[in-house]
């Protein structure tokens, strides 16, 4: 099911092992139960069920004012059915028995009509995966007040004078992914991300500074430092002068470099390269 809240998502929490997660993020047991319910409905030679659940919170400000704040929760179930080498997938966010049954039946009907995939290698059986600690309770439990206080680190100095205008975006995500097959595989992973980007501009239109920061843990982002650096860049870049064309060394911010590499990563797969 998918839900959007104009102000903030419910503050109720449930336990996942020793940690907590916001409503909308499935625990390992909940995700496994959902996978198993779906697999039992399958009549295909092979079936793969992928479950993704998330809670995303955000805050946007521009022209030295808060503009939007909200939260979205969503859970999607992808069912891939296989007959021989014919396969097809259907995605739903209806977790009811009827909703899962429809998704399974639709994927099976489409798979029977699909051309054979000569690259299909079958479904994985049970595997052993190492644990990856990518979760922060602080990020997962973030409130609208937390986001507003962070934004004020840039808004307060901009409002105090008349030389600067700031705009920024704070987006945090808590999510869990699970995958299971009728061959015996089940895997689960959860993680959080907190991302903040800020642009400061001088009101004379000649100076601009951008800074971004991201971490799994909200508490590790130094919002005041981000604000100070963006404002300093804006002030230092005022009244630019022309330079001759040529080769110049450009030093990227770590966040800008990470964003660029992230966009490139999908092009590194063999199929895209071929």
C-alpha atoms as a PDB file:
ATOM      1  CA  UNK A   1       0.000   0.000   0.000  1.00  0.00           C
ATOM      2  CA  UNK A   2       1.138   3.547  -0.657  1.00  0.00           C
ATOM      3  CA  UNK A   3       0.393   6.485   1.636  1.00  0.00           C
ATOM      4  CA  UNK A   4       1.364  10.141   1.484  1.00  0.00           C
ATOM      5  CA  UNK A   5       1.210  12.557   4.398  1.00  0.00           C
ATOM      6  CA  UNK A   6       1.272  16.316   3.839  1.00  0.00           C
ATOM      7  CA  UNK A   7       2.989  17.032   7.142  1.00  0.00           C
ATOM      8  CA  UNK A   8       4.623  13.910   8.488  1.00  0.00           C
ATOM      9  CA  UNK A   9       4.136  10.167   8.735  1.00  0.00           C
ATOM     10  CA  UNK A  10       2.771   8.585  11.925  1.00  0.00           C
ATOM     11  CA  UNK A  11       5.298   8.447  14.733  1.00  0.00           C
ATOM     12  CA  UNK A  12       4.442   4.870  15.762  1.00  0.00           C
ATOM     13  CA  UNK A  13       7.426   2.502  15.673  1.00  0.00           C
ATOM     14  CA  UNK A  14       7.801  -1.246  15.638  1.00  0.00           C
ATOM     15  CA  UNK A  15      10.829  -3.328  16.540  1.00  0.00           C
ATOM     16  CA  UNK A  16      13.183  -4.983  14.069  1.00  0.00           C
ATOM     17  CA  UNK A  17      15.571  -7.039  16.128  1.00  0.00           C
ATOM     18  CA  UNK A  18      17.282  -4.628  18.520  1.00  0.00           C
ATOM     19  CA  UNK A  19      16.513  -1.541  16.456  1.00  0.00           C
ATOM     20  CA  UNK A  20      13.393   0.382  15.566  1.00  0.00           C
ATOM     21  CA  UNK A  21      11.965   1.440  12.241  1.00  0.00           C
ATOM     22  CA  UNK A  22       9.193   3.781  11.215  1.00  0.00           C
ATOM     23  CA  UNK A  23       5.785   2.494  10.269  1.00  0.00           C
ATOM     24  CA  UNK A  24       5.916   1.475   6.609  1.00  0.00           C
ATOM     25  CA  UNK A  25       9.282  -0.323   6.686  1.00  0.00           C
ATOM     26  CA  UNK A  26       8.805  -4.077   6.909  1.00  0.00           C
ATOM     27  CA  UNK A  27      10.754  -6.139   9.427  1.00  0.00           C
ATOM     28  CA  UNK A  28      12.579  -9.261   8.286  1.00  0.00           C
ATOM     29  CA  UNK A  29       9.783 -11.473   9.623  1.00  0.00           C
ATOM     30  CA  UNK A  30       7.075  -9.390   7.936  1.00  0.00           C
ATOM     31  CA  UNK A  31       8.914  -9.364   4.608  1.00  0.00           C
ATOM     32  CA  UNK A  32       9.576 -13.106   4.747  1.00  0.00           C
ATOM     33  CA  UNK A  33       5.947 -13.849   5.556  1.00  0.00           C
ATOM     34  CA  UNK A  34       4.861 -11.729   2.570  1.00  0.00           C
ATOM     35  CA  UNK A  35       7.300 -13.519   0.256  1.00  0.00           C
ATOM     36  CA  UNK A  36       6.174 -16.946   1.454  1.00  0.00           C
ATOM     37  CA  UNK A  37       2.477 -16.077   1.031  1.00  0.00           C
ATOM     38  CA  UNK A  38       3.152 -15.043  -2.548  1.00  0.00           C
ATOM     39  CA  UNK A  39       5.325 -18.036  -3.441  1.00  0.00           C
ATOM     40  CA  UNK A  40       2.615 -20.442  -2.228  1.00  0.00           C
ATOM     41  CA  UNK A  41       0.189 -18.969  -4.752  1.00  0.00           C
ATOM     42  CA  UNK A  42       2.473 -19.741  -7.701  1.00  0.00           C
ATOM     43  CA  UNK A  43       1.900 -22.528 -10.228  1.00  0.00           C
ATOM     44  CA  UNK A  44       4.928 -21.608 -12.360  1.00  0.00           C
ATOM     45  CA  UNK A  45       8.084 -23.680 -12.803  1.00  0.00           C
ATOM     46  CA  UNK A  46       9.964 -20.963 -10.950  1.00  0.00           C
ATOM     47  CA  UNK A  47       8.935 -17.812  -9.121  1.00  0.00           C
ATOM     48  CA  UNK A  48      10.886 -14.905  -7.668  1.00  0.00           C
ATOM     49  CA  UNK A  49       9.293 -12.402  -5.271  1.00  0.00           C
ATOM     50  CA  UNK A  50      10.932  -9.062  -4.475  1.00  0.00           C
ATOM     51  CA  UNK A  51       9.560  -6.822  -1.719  1.00  0.00           C
ATOM     52  CA  UNK A  52      10.594  -3.218  -1.181  1.00  0.00           C
ATOM     53  CA  UNK A  53       9.205  -1.059   1.614  1.00  0.00           C
ATOM     54  CA  UNK A  54      10.205   2.475   2.481  1.00  0.00           C
ATOM     55  CA  UNK A  55       9.437   5.698   4.322  1.00  0.00           C
ATOM     56  CA  UNK A  56      10.765   8.851   2.710  1.00  0.00           C
ATOM     57  CA  UNK A  57      10.710  12.221   4.475  1.00  0.00           C
ATOM     58  CA  UNK A  58      11.595  15.550   2.924  1.00  0.00           C
ATOM     59  CA  UNK A  59      11.767  19.300   3.413  1.00  0.00           C
ATOM     60  CA  UNK A  60      12.289  21.958   0.788  1.00  0.00           C
ATOM     61  CA  UNK A  61      13.002  25.649   1.238  1.00  0.00           C
ATOM     62  CA  UNK A  62      13.584  28.481  -1.248  1.00  0.00           C
ATOM     63  CA  UNK A  63      13.725  32.279  -1.330  1.00  0.00           C
ATOM     64  CA  UNK A  64      14.682  32.180   2.375  1.00  0.00           C
ATOM     65  CA  UNK A  65      11.399  30.475   3.315  1.00  0.00           C
ATOM     66  CA  UNK A  66      10.191  26.974   4.083  1.00  0.00           C
ATOM     67  CA  UNK A  67       8.027  25.697   1.226  1.00  0.00           C
ATOM     68  CA  UNK A  68       7.152  21.997   1.639  1.00  0.00           C
ATOM     69  CA  UNK A  69       7.524  19.226   4.209  1.00  0.00           C
ATOM     70  CA  UNK A  70       6.137  15.721   3.927  1.00  0.00           C
ATOM     71  CA  UNK A  71       6.537  11.974   4.144  1.00  0.00           C
ATOM     72  CA  UNK A  72       5.653   9.068   1.878  1.00  0.00           C
ATOM     73  CA  UNK A  73       5.424   5.368   2.729  1.00  0.00           C
ATOM     74  CA  UNK A  74       5.165   2.624   0.131  1.00  0.00           C
ATOM     75  CA  UNK A  75       5.518  -1.139  -0.211  1.00  0.00           C
ATOM     76  CA  UNK A  76       5.818  -2.828  -3.604  1.00  0.00           C
ATOM     77  CA  UNK A  77       5.846  -6.522  -4.469  1.00  0.00           C
ATOM     78  CA  UNK A  78       7.332  -7.704  -7.760  1.00  0.00           C
ATOM     79  CA  UNK A  79       6.381 -11.215  -8.864  1.00  0.00           C
ATOM     80  CA  UNK A  80       8.407 -12.886 -11.628  1.00  0.00           C
ATOM     81  CA  UNK A  81       6.978 -16.129 -12.976  1.00  0.00           C
ATOM     82  CA  UNK A  82       8.919 -18.520 -15.206  1.00  0.00           C
ATOM     83  CA  UNK A  83       7.860 -21.386 -17.474  1.00  0.00           C
ATOM     84  CA  UNK A  84      10.922 -22.993 -19.035  1.00  0.00           C
ATOM     85  CA  UNK A  85      12.797 -19.953 -20.282  1.00  0.00           C
ATOM     86  CA  UNK A  86       9.738 -17.749 -20.648  1.00  0.00           C
ATOM     87  CA  UNK A  87       9.388 -15.167 -17.900  1.00  0.00           C
ATOM     88  CA  UNK A  88       7.411 -12.065 -17.008  1.00  0.00           C
ATOM     89  CA  UNK A  89       6.985  -9.763 -14.013  1.00  0.00           C
ATOM     90  CA  UNK A  90       4.096  -7.879 -12.444  1.00  0.00           C
ATOM     91  CA  UNK A  91       4.379  -5.223  -9.712  1.00  0.00           C
ATOM     92  CA  UNK A  92       1.704  -4.455  -7.131  1.00  0.00           C
ATOM     93  CA  UNK A  93       1.383  -2.611  -3.830  1.00  0.00           C
ATOM     94  CA  UNK A  94      -1.736  -4.535  -2.809  1.00  0.00           C
ATOM     95  CA  UNK A  95      -0.683  -6.867   0.021  1.00  0.00           C
ATOM     96  CA  UNK A  96      -4.089  -8.490   0.451  1.00  0.00           C
ATOM     97  CA  UNK A  97      -4.540 -12.157  -0.484  1.00  0.00           C
ATOM     98  CA  UNK A  98      -6.595 -11.129  -3.520  1.00  0.00           C
ATOM     99  CA  UNK A  99      -3.999  -8.569  -4.572  1.00  0.00           C
ATOM    100  CA  UNK A 100      -1.151 -11.056  -4.390  1.00  0.00           C
ATOM    101  CA  UNK A 101      -3.176 -13.702  -6.201  1.00  0.00           C
ATOM    102  CA  UNK A 102      -3.943 -11.294  -9.043  1.00  0.00           C
ATOM    103  CA  UNK A 103      -0.266 -10.362  -9.382  1.00  0.00           C
ATOM    104  CA  UNK A 104       0.798 -14.016  -9.487  1.00  0.00           C
ATOM    105  CA  UNK A 105      -1.873 -14.945 -12.047  1.00  0.00           C
ATOM    106  CA  UNK A 106      -1.084 -11.958 -14.262  1.00  0.00           C
ATOM    107  CA  UNK A 107       2.644 -12.681 -14.235  1.00  0.00           C
ATOM    108  CA  UNK A 108       1.983 -16.327 -15.101  1.00  0.00           C
ATOM    109  CA  UNK A 109      -0.333 -15.386 -17.975  1.00  0.00           C
ATOM    110  CA  UNK A 110       2.238 -12.942 -19.359  1.00  0.00           C
ATOM    111  CA  UNK A 111       5.095 -15.428 -18.950  1.00  0.00           C
ATOM    112  CA  UNK A 112       3.275 -18.008 -21.098  1.00  0.00           C
ATOM    113  CA  UNK A 113       3.078 -15.406 -23.888  1.00  0.00           C
ATOM    114  CA  UNK A 114       6.658 -14.117 -23.564  1.00  0.00           C
ATOM    115  CA  UNK A 115       9.461 -15.200 -25.912  1.00  0.00           C
ATOM    116  CA  UNK A 116      12.118 -17.480 -24.472  1.00  0.00           C
ATOM    117  CA  UNK A 117      15.046 -15.766 -22.780  1.00  0.00           C
ATOM    118  CA  UNK A 118      18.232 -17.631 -23.781  1.00  0.00           C
ATOM    119  CA  UNK A 119      20.155 -15.927 -20.944  1.00  0.00           C
ATOM    120  CA  UNK A 120      17.854 -17.121 -18.148  1.00  0.00           C
ATOM    121  CA  UNK A 121      19.901 -19.176 -15.660  1.00  0.00           C
ATOM    122  CA  UNK A 122      17.254 -20.255 -13.175  1.00  0.00           C
ATOM    123  CA  UNK A 123      16.538 -19.109  -9.629  1.00  0.00           C
ATOM    124  CA  UNK A 124      18.949 -19.196  -6.710  1.00  0.00           C
ATOM    125  CA  UNK A 125      18.557 -21.624  -3.849  1.00  0.00           C
ATOM    126  CA  UNK A 126      19.381 -20.643  -0.261  1.00  0.00           C
ATOM    127  CA  UNK A 127      22.527 -18.497   0.055  1.00  0.00           C
ATOM    128  CA  UNK A 128      24.748 -17.174   2.828  1.00  0.00           C
ATOM    129  CA  UNK A 129      25.159 -13.387   2.807  1.00  0.00           C
ATOM    130  CA  UNK A 130      27.272 -11.246   5.100  1.00  0.00           C
ATOM    131  CA  UNK A 131      25.472  -8.578   7.091  1.00  0.00           C
ATOM    132  CA  UNK A 132      25.875  -4.922   6.095  1.00  0.00           C
ATOM    133  CA  UNK A 133      25.241  -2.247   8.708  1.00  0.00           C
ATOM    134  CA  UNK A 134      23.576   0.534   6.711  1.00  0.00           C
ATOM    135  CA  UNK A 135      20.847   1.469   9.190  1.00  0.00           C
ATOM    136  CA  UNK A 136      20.534   4.444  11.544  1.00  0.00           C
ATOM    137  CA  UNK A 137      17.672   4.726  14.021  1.00  0.00           C
ATOM    138  CA  UNK A 138      18.255   8.483  14.134  1.00  0.00           C
ATOM    139  CA  UNK A 139      17.620   8.818  10.409  1.00  0.00           C
ATOM    140  CA  UNK A 140      14.668   6.431  10.435  1.00  0.00           C
ATOM    141  CA  UNK A 141      12.892   8.238  13.278  1.00  0.00           C
ATOM    142  CA  UNK A 142      13.412  11.754  11.917  1.00  0.00           C
ATOM    143  CA  UNK A 143      10.611  14.254  12.550  1.00  0.00           C
ATOM    144  CA  UNK A 144       9.481  17.384  10.726  1.00  0.00           C
ATOM    145  CA  UNK A 145      10.923  19.467  13.592  1.00  0.00           C
ATOM    146  CA  UNK A 146      14.340  17.851  13.074  1.00  0.00           C
ATOM    147  CA  UNK A 147      14.340  18.788   9.398  1.00  0.00           C
ATOM    148  CA  UNK A 148      13.153  22.341  10.118  1.00  0.00           C
ATOM    149  CA  UNK A 149      15.920  22.922  12.678  1.00  0.00           C
ATOM    150  CA  UNK A 150      18.512  21.737  10.168  1.00  0.00           C
ATOM    151  CA  UNK A 151      17.165  24.100   7.496  1.00  0.00           C
ATOM    152  CA  UNK A 152      17.370  27.037   9.896  1.00  0.00           C
ATOM    153  CA  UNK A 153      21.168  26.695   9.944  1.00  0.00           C
ATOM    154  CA  UNK A 154      21.078  28.245   6.462  1.00  0.00           C
ATOM    155  CA  UNK A 155      17.866  30.242   6.665  1.00  0.00           C
ATOM    156  CA  UNK A 156      18.821  32.156   9.832  1.00  0.00           C
ATOM    157  CA  UNK A 157      22.015  33.780   8.502  1.00  0.00           C
ATOM    158  CA  UNK A 158      20.396  34.470   5.119  1.00  0.00           C
ATOM    159  CA  UNK A 159      17.440  36.207   6.773  1.00  0.00           C
ATOM    160  CA  UNK A 160      19.698  38.164   9.108  1.00  0.00           C
ATOM    161  CA  UNK A 161      21.207  40.166   6.248  1.00  0.00           C
ATOM    162  CA  UNK A 162      20.081  41.422   2.854  1.00  0.00           C
ATOM    163  CA  UNK A 163      22.841  40.060   0.656  1.00  0.00           C
ATOM    164  CA  UNK A 164      21.920  36.358   0.383  1.00  0.00           C
ATOM    165  CA  UNK A 165      19.109  34.077  -0.750  1.00  0.00           C
ATOM    166  CA  UNK A 166      19.254  30.352   0.038  1.00  0.00           C
ATOM    167  CA  UNK A 167      17.418  27.293  -1.249  1.00  0.00           C
ATOM    168  CA  UNK A 168      17.824  23.708  -0.150  1.00  0.00           C
ATOM    169  CA  UNK A 169      16.411  20.210  -0.082  1.00  0.00           C
ATOM    170  CA  UNK A 170      16.552  17.641   2.713  1.00  0.00           C
ATOM    171  CA  UNK A 171      15.496  14.101   1.857  1.00  0.00           C
ATOM    172  CA  UNK A 172      15.810  11.063   4.126  1.00  0.00           C
ATOM    173  CA  UNK A 173      14.915   7.474   3.381  1.00  0.00           C
ATOM    174  CA  UNK A 174      14.474   4.360   5.501  1.00  0.00           C
ATOM    175  CA  UNK A 175      13.933   1.227   3.447  1.00  0.00           C
ATOM    176  CA  UNK A 176      14.027  -2.548   3.475  1.00  0.00           C
ATOM    177  CA  UNK A 177      14.420  -4.959   0.567  1.00  0.00           C
ATOM    178  CA  UNK A 178      13.737  -8.671   0.501  1.00  0.00           C
ATOM    179  CA  UNK A 179      13.893 -11.335  -2.187  1.00  0.00           C
ATOM    180  CA  UNK A 180      12.757 -14.945  -2.170  1.00  0.00           C
ATOM    181  CA  UNK A 181      12.306 -17.822  -4.621  1.00  0.00           C
ATOM    182  CA  UNK A 182      10.563 -21.187  -4.697  1.00  0.00           C
ATOM    183  CA  UNK A 183      14.063 -22.703  -4.880  1.00  0.00           C
ATOM    184  CA  UNK A 184      14.689 -21.758  -1.237  1.00  0.00           C
ATOM    185  CA  UNK A 185      16.355 -18.338  -1.382  1.00  0.00           C
ATOM    186  CA  UNK A 186      15.461 -15.617   1.097  1.00  0.00           C
ATOM    187  CA  UNK A 187      17.526 -12.473   1.651  1.00  0.00           C
ATOM    188  CA  UNK A 188      16.765  -9.239   3.528  1.00  0.00           C
ATOM    189  CA  UNK A 189      18.540  -5.907   3.846  1.00  0.00           C
ATOM    190  CA  UNK A 190      17.587  -2.546   5.315  1.00  0.00           C
ATOM    191  CA  UNK A 191      19.247   0.836   5.206  1.00  0.00           C
ATOM    192  CA  UNK A 192      18.854   4.563   5.692  1.00  0.00           C
ATOM    193  CA  UNK A 193      20.135   7.647   3.883  1.00  0.00           C
ATOM    194  CA  UNK A 194      20.076  11.333   4.772  1.00  0.00           C
ATOM    195  CA  UNK A 195      20.835  13.798   1.987  1.00  0.00           C
ATOM    196  CA  UNK A 196      21.119  17.586   2.156  1.00  0.00           C
ATOM    197  CA  UNK A 197      21.874  19.967  -0.703  1.00  0.00           C
ATOM    198  CA  UNK A 198      22.076  23.745  -0.373  1.00  0.00           C
ATOM    199  CA  UNK A 199      22.515  26.631  -2.792  1.00  0.00           C
ATOM    200  CA  UNK A 200      23.329  30.160  -1.620  1.00  0.00           C
ATOM    201  CA  UNK A 201      23.177  33.094  -4.026  1.00  0.00           C
ATOM    202  CA  UNK A 202      24.114  36.718  -3.605  1.00  0.00           C
ATOM    203  CA  UNK A 203      21.230  39.079  -4.257  1.00  0.00           C
ATOM    204  CA  UNK A 204      23.250  41.036  -6.804  1.00  0.00           C
ATOM    205  CA  UNK A 205      23.118  37.895  -8.985  1.00  0.00           C
ATOM    206  CA  UNK A 206      26.887  37.497  -9.372  1.00  0.00           C
ATOM    207  CA  UNK A 207      27.771  34.956  -6.677  1.00  0.00           C
ATOM    208  CA  UNK A 208      26.584  31.394  -6.079  1.00  0.00           C
ATOM    209  CA  UNK A 209      27.700  28.532  -3.848  1.00  0.00           C
ATOM    210  CA  UNK A 210      26.542  24.895  -3.691  1.00  0.00           C
ATOM    211  CA  UNK A 211      27.342  22.268  -1.040  1.00  0.00           C
ATOM    212  CA  UNK A 212      25.887  18.813  -0.436  1.00  0.00           C
ATOM    213  CA  UNK A 213      26.273  16.120   2.223  1.00  0.00           C
ATOM    214  CA  UNK A 214      24.986  12.572   2.652  1.00  0.00           C
ATOM    215  CA  UNK A 215      25.292   9.834   5.257  1.00  0.00           C
ATOM    216  CA  UNK A 216      23.383   6.848   6.547  1.00  0.00           C
ATOM    217  CA  UNK A 217      23.276   8.628   9.919  1.00  0.00           C
ATOM    218  CA  UNK A 218      21.508  11.992  10.120  1.00  0.00           C
ATOM    219  CA  UNK A 219      23.543  12.900  13.209  1.00  0.00           C
ATOM    220  CA  UNK A 220      26.803  12.754  11.218  1.00  0.00           C
ATOM    221  CA  UNK A 221      25.808  15.567   8.846  1.00  0.00           C
ATOM    222  CA  UNK A 222      27.165  18.932   9.985  1.00  0.00           C
ATOM    223  CA  UNK A 223      24.364  21.187   8.752  1.00  0.00           C
ATOM    224  CA  UNK A 224      25.977  24.359  10.064  1.00  0.00           C
ATOM    225  CA  UNK A 225      29.187  23.537   8.209  1.00  0.00           C
ATOM    226  CA  UNK A 226      27.240  22.959   4.986  1.00  0.00           C
ATOM    227  CA  UNK A 227      25.530  26.335   5.381  1.00  0.00           C
ATOM    228  CA  UNK A 228      28.758  28.168   6.206  1.00  0.00           C
ATOM    229  CA  UNK A 229      30.593  26.716   3.196  1.00  0.00           C
ATOM    230  CA  UNK A 230      27.782  27.441   0.728  1.00  0.00           C
ATOM    231  CA  UNK A 231      27.505  31.034   1.952  1.00  0.00           C
ATOM    232  CA  UNK A 232      31.282  31.507   1.831  1.00  0.00           C
ATOM    233  CA  UNK A 233      31.380  30.211  -1.748  1.00  0.00           C
ATOM    234  CA  UNK A 234      28.603  32.584  -2.770  1.00  0.00           C
ATOM    235  CA  UNK A 235      30.410  35.574  -1.282  1.00  0.00           C
ATOM    236  CA  UNK A 236      33.803  34.638  -2.740  1.00  0.00           C
ATOM    237  CA  UNK A 237      32.390  34.089  -6.228  1.00  0.00           C
ATOM    238  CA  UNK A 238      30.887  37.544  -6.555  1.00  0.00           C
ATOM    239  CA  UNK A 239      31.930  39.728  -9.478  1.00  0.00           C
ATOM    240  CA  UNK A 240      33.573  37.027 -11.624  1.00  0.00           C
ATOM    241  CA  UNK A 241      36.029  37.997 -14.326  1.00  0.00           C
ATOM    242  CA  UNK A 242      36.563  36.519 -17.775  1.00  0.00           C
ATOM    243  CA  UNK A 243      39.457  34.095 -18.295  1.00  0.00           C
ATOM    244  CA  UNK A 244      41.039  32.841 -21.485  1.00  0.00           C
ATOM    245  CA  UNK A 245      39.953  29.422 -22.846  1.00  0.00           C
ATOM    246  CA  UNK A 246      42.326  26.645 -21.844  1.00  0.00           C
ATOM    247  CA  UNK A 247      42.898  23.651 -19.587  1.00  0.00           C
ATOM    248  CA  UNK A 248      42.185  24.296 -15.918  1.00  0.00           C
ATOM    249  CA  UNK A 249      42.200  22.020 -12.873  1.00  0.00           C
ATOM    250  CA  UNK A 250      38.730  21.719 -11.322  1.00  0.00           C
ATOM    251  CA  UNK A 251      38.292  20.337  -7.807  1.00  0.00           C
ATOM    252  CA  UNK A 252      34.882  18.783  -7.177  1.00  0.00           C
ATOM    253  CA  UNK A 253      33.127  18.658  -3.853  1.00  0.00           C
ATOM    254  CA  UNK A 254      33.035  15.055  -2.510  1.00  0.00           C
ATOM    255  CA  UNK A 255      29.233  15.053  -2.853  1.00  0.00           C
ATOM    256  CA  UNK A 256      29.383  16.273  -6.447  1.00  0.00           C
ATOM    257  CA  UNK A 257      31.909  13.546  -7.288  1.00  0.00           C
ATOM    258  CA  UNK A 258      29.750  10.888  -5.632  1.00  0.00           C
ATOM    259  CA  UNK A 259      26.690  12.059  -7.572  1.00  0.00           C
ATOM    260  CA  UNK A 260      28.595  11.914 -10.856  1.00  0.00           C
ATOM    261  CA  UNK A 261      29.976   8.432 -10.216  1.00  0.00           C
ATOM    262  CA  UNK A 262      26.519   7.260  -9.170  1.00  0.00           C
ATOM    263  CA  UNK A 263      25.101   8.336 -12.515  1.00  0.00           C
ATOM    264  CA  UNK A 264      27.908   6.525 -14.341  1.00  0.00           C
ATOM    265  CA  UNK A 265      27.602   3.203 -12.508  1.00  0.00           C
ATOM    266  CA  UNK A 266      24.756   1.772 -14.588  1.00  0.00           C
ATOM    267  CA  UNK A 267      26.828   2.277 -17.733  1.00  0.00           C
ATOM    268  CA  UNK A 268      29.527  -0.040 -16.385  1.00  0.00           C
ATOM    269  CA  UNK A 269      27.459  -3.225 -16.676  1.00  0.00           C
ATOM    270  CA  UNK A 270      28.400  -5.608 -19.490  1.00  0.00           C
ATOM    271  CA  UNK A 271      25.090  -5.330 -21.344  1.00  0.00           C
ATOM    272  CA  UNK A 272      25.219  -1.523 -21.472  1.00  0.00           C
ATOM    273  CA  UNK A 273      28.901  -1.592 -22.485  1.00  0.00           C
ATOM    274  CA  UNK A 274      28.177  -4.068 -25.307  1.00  0.00           C
END
